[in-house]
Amino acid sequence: MQFVPYRTLRNEPAALRKKLENEGDLIVTVDGKPFALMINLSELEDMQDILLMVSRLKAQMAVRSIRSQARKEGLDKMNLKDINALIKKTRAERKT
């Protein structure tokens, strides 16, 4: 996968489009850091299917991150009694 600076998108859109057609996908960077992913959509591909897959992937990544954080904090070792106590405490705090 090739990286391209954002200024290329702004200053040379035709060249970027050609590069995207050739490469299939590109990562756009700002100050050398990844900013966005560009995917070439052929006429045969259904954009809604691709967007759905990307949404699912983002959700999976979020769940993985949440699980990782829970393991770091030891929350994965909580028993049902502790979980219910935490829920009760949180609900009580929300009411006040």
Protein backbone atom coordinates (compact mmCIF):
# COMPACT_ATOMS: atom_id res chain seq x y z
CA MET A 1 0.00 0.00 0.00
CA GLN A 2 1.36 3.38 -0.96
CA PHE A 3 1.33 6.53 1.15
CA VAL A 4 0.58 9.91 -0.41
CA PRO A 5 0.64 13.33 1.25
CA TYR A 6 -2.61 15.28 1.60
CA ARG A 7 -1.21 18.12 -0.50
CA THR A 8 -1.20 15.72 -3.49
CA LEU A 9 -4.95 15.33 -3.06
CA ARG A 10 -5.33 19.09 -2.97
CA ASN A 11 -2.78 20.09 -5.64
CA GLU A 12 -2.75 17.16 -8.08
CA PRO A 13 -6.15 15.43 -7.95
CA ALA A 14 -5.90 14.00 -11.49
CA ALA A 15 -2.51 12.42 -10.77
CA LEU A 16 -3.81 11.04 -7.49
CA ARG A 17 -6.84 9.55 -9.22
CA LYS A 18 -4.57 7.82 -11.74
CA LYS A 19 -2.36 6.52 -8.94
CA LEU A 20 -5.42 5.23 -7.09
CA GLU A 21 -6.62 3.42 -10.22
CA ASN A 22 -3.20 1.78 -10.58
CA GLU A 23 -2.64 0.92 -6.91
CA GLY A 24 -6.21 0.06 -5.87
CA ASP A 25 -5.89 1.77 -2.52
CA LEU A 26 -3.81 4.55 -0.98
CA ILE A 27 -3.18 5.92 2.48
CA VAL A 28 -3.37 9.71 2.69
CA THR A 29 -1.00 11.29 5.21
CA VAL A 30 -0.85 14.63 7.00
CA ASP A 31 2.54 15.56 8.40
CA GLY A 32 3.67 12.00 7.64
CA LYS A 33 0.92 10.40 9.75
CA PRO A 34 -1.89 8.28 8.27
CA PHE A 35 -5.07 10.31 7.93
CA ALA A 36 -7.37 8.46 5.53
CA LEU A 37 -7.66 5.38 3.37
CA MET A 38 -8.70 5.77 -0.26
CA ILE A 39 -10.17 2.74 -2.01
CA ASN A 40 -10.66 2.55 -5.76
CA LEU A 41 -14.22 1.48 -6.51
CA SER A 42 -14.69 -0.29 -9.80
CA GLU A 43 -18.02 -0.11 -11.58
CA LEU A 44 -18.69 -3.71 -10.61
CA GLU A 45 -18.37 -3.14 -6.88
CA ASP A 46 -21.31 -2.13 -4.73
CA MET A 47 -20.27 0.85 -2.62
CA GLN A 48 -22.90 0.04 0.03
CA ASP A 49 -21.39 -3.43 0.54
CA ILE A 50 -17.92 -1.94 0.96
CA LEU A 51 -19.18 0.69 3.42
CA LEU A 52 -20.96 -2.03 5.41
CA MET A 53 -17.77 -4.10 5.60
CA VAL A 54 -15.75 -1.07 6.69
CA SER A 55 -18.34 -0.27 9.39
CA ARG A 56 -18.19 -3.84 10.66
CA LEU A 57 -14.40 -3.77 10.71
CA LYS A 58 -14.39 -0.51 12.69
CA ALA A 59 -16.84 -2.03 15.17
CA GLN A 60 -14.67 -5.14 15.57
CA MET A 61 -11.62 -2.96 16.17
CA ALA A 62 -13.51 -0.96 18.81
CA VAL A 63 -14.60 -4.14 20.62
CA ARG A 64 -11.02 -5.45 20.52
CA SER A 65 -9.79 -2.19 22.04
CA ILE A 66 -12.45 -2.28 24.78
CA ARG A 67 -11.60 -5.90 25.63
CA SER A 68 -7.89 -5.11 25.74
CA GLN A 69 -8.50 -2.18 28.10
CA ALA A 70 -10.72 -4.36 30.30
CA ARG A 71 -7.95 -6.98 30.55
CA LYS A 72 -5.42 -4.30 31.51
CA GLU A 73 -7.72 -3.08 34.29
CA GLY A 74 -8.50 -6.63 35.46
CA LEU A 75 -12.19 -6.29 34.62
CA ASP A 76 -12.15 -9.59 32.75
CA LYS A 77 -11.72 -11.38 36.09
CA MET A 78 -14.82 -9.91 37.72
CA ASN A 79 -17.47 -12.35 38.93
CA LEU A 80 -21.20 -11.85 38.51
CA LYS A 81 -21.61 -10.44 42.02
CA ASP A 82 -18.96 -7.77 41.36
CA ILE A 83 -20.47 -6.91 37.99
CA ASN A 84 -23.96 -6.44 39.48
CA ALA A 85 -22.53 -4.31 42.30
CA LEU A 86 -20.76 -2.07 39.77
CA ILE A 87 -23.94 -1.73 37.71
CA LYS A 88 -25.93 -0.81 40.82
CA LYS A 89 -23.32 1.76 41.88
CA THR A 90 -23.18 3.32 38.41
CA ARG A 91 -26.96 3.58 38.18
CA ALA A 92 -27.12 5.22 41.59
CA GLU A 93 -24.47 7.76 40.59
CA ARG A 94 -26.40 8.61 37.41
CA LYS A 95 -29.55 9.37 39.37
CA THR A 96 -27.82 11.99 41.50
